[in-house]
Amino acid sequence: MINRRSINHSCLFFSKRVLTNVYMVCIMYISSIHNVGDHMNIIISNSSGVPIYEQIVSQIKEQIMNGELKAGDALPSMRALAQSIRISVITTKRAYEELERDGFIESFTGKGSFVKGQNTELLREEYLRQAEELLQQACDRARKAGASADELHDMLDIIYGGE
């Protein structure tokens, strides 16, 4: 026989599990180890379907590209970042390695990781890559809506500020 107490306990357990495992979004202000007072805002979503290291990479790239992080700014150590947002050091290591490979940061043994002086061509390429991804999504949606290429061009001209 099921009693009211066991139902309440089950519902409470289920709601806690859903909140912690599915809808948990961590907003962390991570204090930079080398530049006290500077903060890096990282938002991690466990429900987005995007791997955590990719979320970190994209947010740090965005902060570099929009000028929040400038050349020479120190990033938190891999261990400090991992502890702050409660993830594995392996995940932060993977994110930092990808940022370094893409030319956004440089790391020095014993000193840490720093924002690399940005080549304007590299930034332009990154913006164009992001624009291409968004245009691909727009084309896919336009096809689903039955819009022609001419209609899509007209919309793009209007949005972009053309005739």
N, C-alpha and C. Protein backbone atom coordinates (compact mmCIF):
# COMPACT_ATOMS: atom_id res chain seq x y z
N MET A 1 0.84 -1.18 0.00
CA MET A 1 0.00 0.00 0.00
C MET A 1 0.89 1.25 0.00
N ILE A 2 0.55 2.20 -0.84
CA ILE A 2 1.31 3.44 -0.94
C ILE A 2 0.66 4.47 -0.01
N ASN A 3 1.49 5.03 0.82
CA ASN A 3 0.93 6.05 1.70
C ASN A 3 1.37 7.44 1.24
N ARG A 4 0.74 8.44 1.77
CA ARG A 4 0.98 9.83 1.37
C ARG A 4 2.44 10.24 1.62
N ARG A 5 3.01 9.77 2.72
CA ARG A 5 4.38 10.14 3.06
C ARG A 5 5.38 9.63 2.00
N SER A 6 5.20 8.40 1.54
CA SER A 6 6.12 7.86 0.53
C SER A 6 5.98 8.60 -0.79
N ILE A 7 4.76 9.02 -1.14
CA ILE A 7 4.56 9.80 -2.37
C ILE A 7 5.26 11.14 -2.25
N ASN A 8 5.09 11.83 -1.14
CA ASN A 8 5.75 13.13 -0.95
C ASN A 8 7.26 12.98 -1.00
N HIS A 9 7.79 11.95 -0.36
CA HIS A 9 9.23 11.72 -0.36
C HIS A 9 9.73 11.46 -1.79
N SER A 10 8.98 10.64 -2.56
CA SER A 10 9.37 10.35 -3.93
C SER A 10 9.36 11.60 -4.80
N CYS A 11 8.31 12.42 -4.64
CA CYS A 11 8.22 13.66 -5.42
C CYS A 11 9.36 14.61 -5.06
N LEU A 12 9.65 14.70 -3.77
CA LEU A 12 10.73 15.57 -3.33
C LEU A 12 12.06 15.10 -3.90
N PHE A 13 12.31 13.78 -3.84
CA PHE A 13 13.54 13.23 -4.40
C PHE A 13 13.63 13.51 -5.89
N PHE A 14 12.51 13.28 -6.61
CA PHE A 14 12.51 13.49 -8.05
C PHE A 14 12.77 14.96 -8.38
N SER A 15 12.11 15.88 -7.68
CA SER A 15 12.29 17.31 -7.99
C SER A 15 13.72 17.75 -7.69
N LYS A 16 14.32 17.24 -6.61
CA LYS A 16 15.71 17.58 -6.32
C LYS A 16 16.62 17.05 -7.42
N ARG A 17 16.36 15.83 -7.87
CA ARG A 17 17.20 15.22 -8.90
C ARG A 17 17.09 16.00 -10.21
N VAL A 18 15.88 16.37 -10.60
CA VAL A 18 15.68 17.14 -11.82
C VAL A 18 16.38 18.48 -11.72
N LEU A 19 16.24 19.14 -10.60
CA LEU A 19 16.86 20.45 -10.44
C LEU A 19 18.38 20.36 -10.49
N THR A 20 18.95 19.35 -9.87
CA THR A 20 20.40 19.29 -9.82
C THR A 20 21.01 18.69 -11.09
N ASN A 21 20.33 17.77 -11.73
CA ASN A 21 20.93 17.10 -12.88
C ASN A 21 20.53 17.68 -14.23
N VAL A 22 19.33 18.20 -14.36
CA VAL A 22 18.87 18.60 -15.67
C VAL A 22 18.87 20.11 -15.84
N TYR A 23 18.34 20.84 -14.90
CA TYR A 23 18.16 22.27 -15.08
C TYR A 23 19.17 23.12 -14.34
N MET A 24 20.23 22.50 -13.87
CA MET A 24 21.22 23.25 -13.10
C MET A 24 22.05 24.14 -14.02
N VAL A 25 22.02 25.41 -13.77
CA VAL A 25 22.84 26.36 -14.51
C VAL A 25 23.69 27.08 -13.49
N CYS A 26 24.99 27.01 -13.70
CA CYS A 26 25.91 27.63 -12.76
C CYS A 26 26.39 28.96 -13.35
N ILE A 27 26.21 30.02 -12.62
CA ILE A 27 26.78 31.30 -13.02
C ILE A 27 27.87 31.60 -12.00
N MET A 28 29.07 31.63 -12.50
CA MET A 28 30.20 31.80 -11.60
C MET A 28 30.99 33.04 -12.00
N TYR A 29 31.38 33.79 -11.02
CA TYR A 29 32.32 34.88 -11.24
C TYR A 29 33.65 34.37 -10.74
N ILE A 30 34.54 34.15 -11.67
CA ILE A 30 35.81 33.53 -11.32
C ILE A 30 36.87 34.61 -11.23
N SER A 31 37.41 34.75 -10.06
CA SER A 31 38.44 35.77 -9.86
C SER A 31 39.75 35.28 -10.46
N SER A 32 40.34 36.12 -11.27
CA SER A 32 41.60 35.77 -11.90
C SER A 32 42.70 35.73 -10.85
N ILE A 33 43.51 34.71 -10.89
CA ILE A 33 44.57 34.55 -9.91
C ILE A 33 45.61 35.66 -10.03
N HIS A 34 45.97 36.02 -11.26
CA HIS A 34 47.06 36.97 -11.46
C HIS A 34 46.62 38.42 -11.46
N ASN A 35 45.39 38.68 -11.86
CA ASN A 35 44.89 40.05 -11.89
C ASN A 35 43.72 40.16 -10.92
N VAL A 36 44.01 40.35 -9.67
CA VAL A 36 42.97 40.40 -8.65
C VAL A 36 42.01 41.53 -8.99
N GLY A 37 40.73 41.25 -8.89
CA GLY A 37 39.72 42.24 -9.19
C GLY A 37 39.10 42.04 -10.56
N ASP A 38 39.82 41.41 -11.50
CA ASP A 38 39.24 41.12 -12.79
C ASP A 38 38.37 39.86 -12.64
N HIS A 39 37.28 39.84 -13.35
CA HIS A 39 36.39 38.69 -13.26
C HIS A 39 36.09 38.16 -14.65
N MET A 40 35.90 36.87 -14.71
CA MET A 40 35.54 36.22 -15.95
C MET A 40 34.20 35.53 -15.68
N ASN A 41 33.21 35.87 -16.45
CA ASN A 41 31.87 35.32 -16.26
C ASN A 41 31.72 34.09 -17.13
N ILE A 42 31.55 32.94 -16.52
CA ILE A 42 31.37 31.69 -17.24
C ILE A 42 30.02 31.11 -16.83
N ILE A 43 29.19 30.80 -17.80
CA ILE A 43 27.88 30.21 -17.53
C ILE A 43 27.90 28.80 -18.11
N ILE A 44 27.68 27.82 -17.25
CA ILE A 44 27.68 26.42 -17.65
C ILE A 44 26.26 25.88 -17.53
N SER A 45 25.79 25.27 -18.60
CA SER A 45 24.46 24.67 -18.58
C SER A 45 24.59 23.17 -18.80
N ASN A 46 24.11 22.40 -17.85
CA ASN A 46 24.14 20.95 -17.99
C ASN A 46 23.04 20.44 -18.91
N SER A 47 22.07 21.29 -19.23
CA SER A 47 20.94 20.84 -20.03
C SER A 47 21.02 21.29 -21.48
N SER A 48 22.10 21.96 -21.88
CA SER A 48 22.18 22.50 -23.23
C SER A 48 22.52 21.45 -24.29
N GLY A 49 23.11 20.35 -23.90
CA GLY A 49 23.54 19.36 -24.87
C GLY A 49 24.91 19.64 -25.47
N VAL A 50 25.48 20.80 -25.15
CA VAL A 50 26.81 21.18 -25.63
C VAL A 50 27.82 20.75 -24.57
N PRO A 51 28.89 20.06 -24.96
CA PRO A 51 29.89 19.66 -23.97
C PRO A 51 30.41 20.86 -23.17
N ILE A 52 30.71 20.63 -21.92
CA ILE A 52 31.12 21.71 -21.02
C ILE A 52 32.38 22.40 -21.53
N TYR A 53 33.36 21.64 -22.03
CA TYR A 53 34.59 22.27 -22.51
C TYR A 53 34.29 23.21 -23.68
N GLU A 54 33.33 22.85 -24.54
CA GLU A 54 32.96 23.72 -25.66
C GLU A 54 32.27 24.99 -25.17
N GLN A 55 31.48 24.87 -24.11
CA GLN A 55 30.83 26.05 -23.53
C GLN A 55 31.89 27.02 -23.00
N ILE A 56 32.90 26.48 -22.33
CA ILE A 56 33.98 27.31 -21.79
C ILE A 56 34.74 27.97 -22.93
N VAL A 57 35.11 27.20 -23.95
CA VAL A 57 35.86 27.73 -25.09
C VAL A 57 35.08 28.86 -25.77
N SER A 58 33.82 28.62 -26.07
CA SER A 58 33.05 29.64 -26.80
C SER A 58 32.87 30.91 -25.98
N GLN A 59 32.69 30.77 -24.67
CA GLN A 59 32.50 31.96 -23.84
C GLN A 59 33.80 32.75 -23.66
N ILE A 60 34.92 32.06 -23.54
CA ILE A 60 36.20 32.78 -23.43
C ILE A 60 36.52 33.45 -24.76
N LYS A 61 36.29 32.76 -25.88
CA LYS A 61 36.51 33.37 -27.19
C LYS A 61 35.66 34.63 -27.34
N GLU A 62 34.40 34.54 -26.96
CA GLU A 62 33.50 35.68 -27.07
C GLU A 62 33.99 36.85 -26.22
N GLN A 63 34.47 36.57 -25.00
CA GLN A 63 34.97 37.63 -24.13
C GLN A 63 36.24 38.26 -24.71
N ILE A 64 37.05 37.48 -25.39
CA ILE A 64 38.25 38.02 -26.03
C ILE A 64 37.85 38.87 -27.23
N MET A 65 36.93 38.36 -28.04
CA MET A 65 36.55 39.07 -29.26
C MET A 65 35.80 40.37 -28.98
N ASN A 66 35.02 40.42 -27.89
CA ASN A 66 34.30 41.66 -27.62
C ASN A 66 35.07 42.60 -26.69
N GLY A 67 36.31 42.24 -26.35
CA GLY A 67 37.17 43.15 -25.61
C GLY A 67 37.09 43.06 -24.10
N GLU A 68 36.27 42.17 -23.56
CA GLU A 68 36.21 42.01 -22.10
C GLU A 68 37.53 41.48 -21.56
N LEU A 69 38.14 40.57 -22.32
CA LEU A 69 39.47 40.07 -21.98
C LEU A 69 40.43 40.62 -23.02
N LYS A 70 41.50 41.24 -22.56
CA LYS A 70 42.45 41.89 -23.45
C LYS A 70 43.78 41.12 -23.48
N ALA A 71 44.57 41.41 -24.49
CA ALA A 71 45.87 40.76 -24.63
C ALA A 71 46.67 40.92 -23.34
N GLY A 72 47.23 39.82 -22.87
CA GLY A 72 48.03 39.83 -21.66
C GLY A 72 47.26 39.53 -20.40
N ASP A 73 45.92 39.57 -20.44
CA ASP A 73 45.13 39.24 -19.26
C ASP A 73 45.34 37.78 -18.89
N ALA A 74 45.50 37.53 -17.61
CA ALA A 74 45.68 36.16 -17.13
C ALA A 74 44.33 35.48 -16.97
N LEU A 75 44.29 34.22 -17.36
CA LEU A 75 43.11 33.40 -17.11
C LEU A 75 43.32 32.67 -15.80
N PRO A 76 42.23 32.25 -15.17
CA PRO A 76 42.40 31.44 -13.94
C PRO A 76 43.17 30.16 -14.28
N SER A 77 43.88 29.64 -13.32
CA SER A 77 44.57 28.37 -13.56
C SER A 77 43.52 27.31 -13.87
N MET A 78 43.94 26.25 -14.53
CA MET A 78 43.02 25.17 -14.86
C MET A 78 42.36 24.62 -13.60
N ARG A 79 43.15 24.45 -12.57
CA ARG A 79 42.63 23.90 -11.31
C ARG A 79 41.64 24.88 -10.66
N ALA A 80 41.96 26.17 -10.65
CA ALA A 80 41.07 27.16 -10.04
C ALA A 80 39.74 27.24 -10.79
N LEU A 81 39.81 27.22 -12.12
CA LEU A 81 38.59 27.25 -12.92
C LEU A 81 37.74 26.01 -12.65
N ALA A 82 38.38 24.86 -12.63
CA ALA A 82 37.67 23.60 -12.38
C ALA A 82 36.99 23.62 -11.01
N GLN A 83 37.70 24.08 -9.99
CA GLN A 83 37.12 24.14 -8.65
C GLN A 83 35.97 25.13 -8.59
N SER A 84 36.12 26.27 -9.25
CA SER A 84 35.10 27.31 -9.19
C SER A 84 33.78 26.89 -9.80
N ILE A 85 33.84 26.18 -10.91
CA ILE A 85 32.58 25.77 -11.55
C ILE A 85 32.29 24.28 -11.35
N ARG A 86 33.07 23.67 -10.47
CA ARG A 86 32.84 22.29 -10.02
C ARG A 86 32.80 21.29 -11.17
N ILE A 87 33.88 21.33 -11.95
CA ILE A 87 34.05 20.37 -13.04
C ILE A 87 35.43 19.75 -12.91
N SER A 88 35.71 18.81 -13.77
CA SER A 88 37.01 18.13 -13.76
C SER A 88 38.10 19.03 -14.33
N VAL A 89 39.30 18.89 -13.78
CA VAL A 89 40.46 19.62 -14.31
C VAL A 89 40.73 19.17 -15.75
N ILE A 90 40.42 17.94 -16.07
CA ILE A 90 40.60 17.43 -17.43
C ILE A 90 39.75 18.24 -18.41
N THR A 91 38.56 18.62 -17.99
CA THR A 91 37.67 19.41 -18.85
C THR A 91 38.26 20.79 -19.10
N THR A 92 38.76 21.44 -18.05
CA THR A 92 39.35 22.77 -18.25
C THR A 92 40.63 22.67 -19.06
N LYS A 93 41.39 21.61 -18.86
CA LYS A 93 42.61 21.40 -19.64
C LYS A 93 42.28 21.29 -21.12
N ARG A 94 41.24 20.55 -21.43
CA ARG A 94 40.82 20.39 -22.83
C ARG A 94 40.38 21.74 -23.43
N ALA A 95 39.66 22.53 -22.64
CA ALA A 95 39.21 23.85 -23.11
C ALA A 95 40.41 24.76 -23.37
N TYR A 96 41.34 24.80 -22.44
CA TYR A 96 42.52 25.66 -22.60
C TYR A 96 43.38 25.21 -23.77
N GLU A 97 43.51 23.90 -23.96
CA GLU A 97 44.29 23.39 -25.10
C GLU A 97 43.66 23.81 -26.42
N GLU A 98 42.33 23.76 -26.49
CA GLU A 98 41.65 24.17 -27.72
C GLU A 98 41.81 25.68 -27.95
N LEU A 99 41.71 26.47 -26.89
CA LEU A 99 41.90 27.92 -27.02
C LEU A 99 43.32 28.24 -27.48
N GLU A 100 44.28 27.49 -26.97
CA GLU A 100 45.67 27.70 -27.37
C GLU A 100 45.89 27.28 -28.82
N ARG A 101 45.32 26.15 -29.19
CA ARG A 101 45.43 25.66 -30.57
C ARG A 101 44.82 26.65 -31.57
N ASP A 102 43.71 27.30 -31.17
CA ASP A 102 43.03 28.26 -32.04
C ASP A 102 43.68 29.64 -32.01
N GLY A 103 44.72 29.81 -31.17
CA GLY A 103 45.46 31.07 -31.15
C GLY A 103 44.87 32.16 -30.28
N PHE A 104 43.99 31.80 -29.35
CA PHE A 104 43.38 32.80 -28.48
C PHE A 104 44.14 33.02 -27.18
N ILE A 105 44.81 31.99 -26.71
CA ILE A 105 45.59 32.12 -25.47
C ILE A 105 46.96 31.49 -25.68
N GLU A 106 47.87 31.82 -24.77
CA GLU A 106 49.16 31.15 -24.74
C GLU A 106 49.44 30.78 -23.29
N SER A 107 50.04 29.62 -23.11
CA SER A 107 50.31 29.10 -21.77
C SER A 107 51.81 28.97 -21.56
N PHE A 108 52.22 29.28 -20.35
CA PHE A 108 53.63 29.18 -19.97
C PHE A 108 53.71 28.33 -18.71
N THR A 109 54.55 27.30 -18.76
CA THR A 109 54.72 26.42 -17.63
C THR A 109 55.16 27.21 -16.40
N GLY A 110 54.43 27.03 -15.33
CA GLY A 110 54.76 27.69 -14.07
C GLY A 110 54.24 29.12 -13.95
N LYS A 111 53.76 29.69 -15.04
CA LYS A 111 53.24 31.06 -15.01
C LYS A 111 51.74 31.14 -15.23
N GLY A 112 51.20 30.27 -16.06
CA GLY A 112 49.77 30.26 -16.32
C GLY A 112 49.43 30.50 -17.77
N SER A 113 48.15 30.79 -17.99
CA SER A 113 47.64 31.02 -19.34
C SER A 113 47.20 32.46 -19.47
N PHE A 114 47.50 33.06 -20.62
CA PHE A 114 47.23 34.48 -20.86
C PHE A 114 46.57 34.67 -22.21
N VAL A 115 45.76 35.72 -22.30
CA VAL A 115 45.14 36.06 -23.58
C VAL A 115 46.24 36.51 -24.52
N LYS A 116 46.25 35.94 -25.69
CA LYS A 116 47.27 36.23 -26.69
C LYS A 116 46.87 37.49 -27.46
N GLY A 117 47.87 38.27 -27.82
CA GLY A 117 47.62 39.43 -28.67
C GLY A 117 46.94 38.96 -29.94
N GLN A 118 45.80 39.53 -30.26
CA GLN A 118 44.99 39.01 -31.35
C GLN A 118 45.37 39.58 -32.70
N ASN A 119 45.54 38.70 -33.61
CA ASN A 119 45.73 39.03 -35.00
C ASN A 119 44.35 39.41 -35.54
N THR A 120 44.21 40.57 -36.15
CA THR A 120 42.90 41.00 -36.63
C THR A 120 42.34 40.04 -37.67
N GLU A 121 43.21 39.41 -38.44
CA GLU A 121 42.74 38.44 -39.42
C GLU A 121 42.15 37.21 -38.73
N LEU A 122 42.75 36.78 -37.62
CA LEU A 122 42.24 35.65 -36.86
C LEU A 122 40.86 35.97 -36.31
N LEU A 123 40.69 37.16 -35.75
CA LEU A 123 39.38 37.57 -35.23
C LEU A 123 38.34 37.62 -36.36
N ARG A 124 38.74 38.17 -37.50
CA ARG A 124 37.83 38.26 -38.64
C ARG A 124 37.39 36.86 -39.07
N GLU A 125 38.33 35.93 -39.14
CA GLU A 125 38.00 34.56 -39.51
C GLU A 125 37.03 33.92 -38.53
N GLU A 126 37.25 34.17 -37.24
CA GLU A 126 36.35 33.60 -36.22
C GLU A 126 34.95 34.19 -36.35
N TYR A 127 34.84 35.49 -36.55
CA TYR A 127 33.53 36.11 -36.74
C TYR A 127 32.85 35.57 -37.99
N LEU A 128 33.60 35.41 -39.08
CA LEU A 128 33.03 34.87 -40.31
C LEU A 128 32.59 33.42 -40.13
N ARG A 129 33.36 32.65 -39.38
CA ARG A 129 32.98 31.26 -39.11
C ARG A 129 31.66 31.21 -38.34
N GLN A 130 31.53 32.08 -37.33
CA GLN A 130 30.29 32.12 -36.55
C GLN A 130 29.12 32.58 -37.42
N ALA A 131 29.35 33.58 -38.27
CA ALA A 131 28.30 34.07 -39.17
C ALA A 131 27.86 32.96 -40.12
N GLU A 132 28.82 32.19 -40.63
CA GLU A 132 28.50 31.10 -41.54
C GLU A 132 27.62 30.05 -40.86
N GLU A 133 27.92 29.73 -39.60
CA GLU A 133 27.10 28.77 -38.86
C GLU A 133 25.67 29.29 -38.72
N LEU A 134 25.54 30.57 -38.38
CA LEU A 134 24.21 31.16 -38.21
C LEU A 134 23.46 31.23 -39.55
N LEU A 135 24.17 31.55 -40.63
CA LEU A 135 23.53 31.58 -41.94
C LEU A 135 23.06 30.18 -42.36
N GLN A 136 23.84 29.17 -42.01
CA GLN A 136 23.43 27.79 -42.32
C GLN A 136 22.13 27.46 -41.60
N GLN A 137 22.03 27.86 -40.33
CA GLN A 137 20.80 27.63 -39.57
C GLN A 137 19.64 28.38 -40.21
N ALA A 138 19.88 29.63 -40.64
CA ALA A 138 18.83 30.43 -41.28
C ALA A 138 18.37 29.78 -42.58
N CYS A 139 19.31 29.27 -43.36
CA CYS A 139 18.96 28.60 -44.62
C CYS A 139 18.13 27.34 -44.36
N ASP A 140 18.53 26.59 -43.36
CA ASP A 140 17.78 25.37 -43.02
C ASP A 140 16.34 25.71 -42.63
N ARG A 141 16.18 26.75 -41.83
CA ARG A 141 14.83 27.15 -41.41
C ARG A 141 14.02 27.71 -42.58
N ALA A 142 14.68 28.47 -43.45
CA ALA A 142 13.99 29.03 -44.62
C ALA A 142 13.50 27.90 -45.52
N ARG A 143 14.32 26.86 -45.71
CA ARG A 143 13.91 25.70 -46.52
C ARG A 143 12.68 25.03 -45.91
N LYS A 144 12.71 24.87 -44.58
CA LYS A 144 11.57 24.25 -43.90
C LYS A 144 10.30 25.08 -44.07
N ALA A 145 10.47 26.40 -44.15
CA ALA A 145 9.32 27.29 -44.33
C ALA A 145 8.90 27.40 -45.79
N GLY A 146 9.68 26.81 -46.69
CA GLY A 146 9.37 26.86 -48.10
C GLY A 146 9.77 28.16 -48.77
N ALA A 147 10.68 28.91 -48.16
CA ALA A 147 11.14 30.17 -48.74
C ALA A 147 12.16 29.90 -49.85
N SER A 148 12.10 30.73 -50.88
CA SER A 148 13.05 30.59 -51.98
C SER A 148 14.36 31.30 -51.63
N ALA A 149 15.39 31.04 -52.43
CA ALA A 149 16.68 31.71 -52.23
C ALA A 149 16.55 33.21 -52.43
N ASP A 150 15.70 33.62 -53.39
CA ASP A 150 15.48 35.06 -53.61
C ASP A 150 14.85 35.72 -52.39
N GLU A 151 13.88 35.04 -51.79
CA GLU A 151 13.24 35.59 -50.58
C GLU A 151 14.26 35.71 -49.45
N LEU A 152 15.11 34.70 -49.35
CA LEU A 152 16.14 34.72 -48.31
C LEU A 152 17.13 35.85 -48.56
N HIS A 153 17.50 36.06 -49.83
CA HIS A 153 18.40 37.18 -50.18
C HIS A 153 17.76 38.52 -49.83
N ASP A 154 16.46 38.66 -50.15
CA ASP A 154 15.76 39.90 -49.82
C ASP A 154 15.76 40.15 -48.32
N MET A 155 15.49 39.10 -47.53
CA MET A 155 15.51 39.25 -46.07
C MET A 155 16.90 39.66 -45.59
N LEU A 156 17.91 39.02 -46.12
CA LEU A 156 19.28 39.33 -45.72
C LEU A 156 19.64 40.77 -46.07
N ASP A 157 19.24 41.22 -47.26
CA ASP A 157 19.51 42.61 -47.66
C ASP A 157 18.84 43.59 -46.70
N ILE A 158 17.60 43.29 -46.31
CA ILE A 158 16.88 44.18 -45.38
C ILE A 158 17.55 44.18 -44.02
N ILE A 159 17.87 42.99 -43.52
CA ILE A 159 18.49 42.89 -42.19
C ILE A 159 19.88 43.51 -42.18
N TYR A 160 20.64 43.27 -43.23
CA TYR A 160 22.02 43.78 -43.29
C TYR A 160 22.08 45.29 -43.49
N GLY A 161 20.95 45.85 -43.95
CA GLY A 161 20.91 47.30 -44.10
C GLY A 161 21.02 47.76 -45.54
N GLY A 162 20.85 46.82 -46.45
CA GLY A 162 20.91 47.16 -47.88
C GLY A 162 19.58 47.68 -48.36
N GLU A 163 19.38 47.59 -49.63
CA GLU A 163 18.16 48.11 -50.26
C GLU A 163 16.97 47.25 -49.96
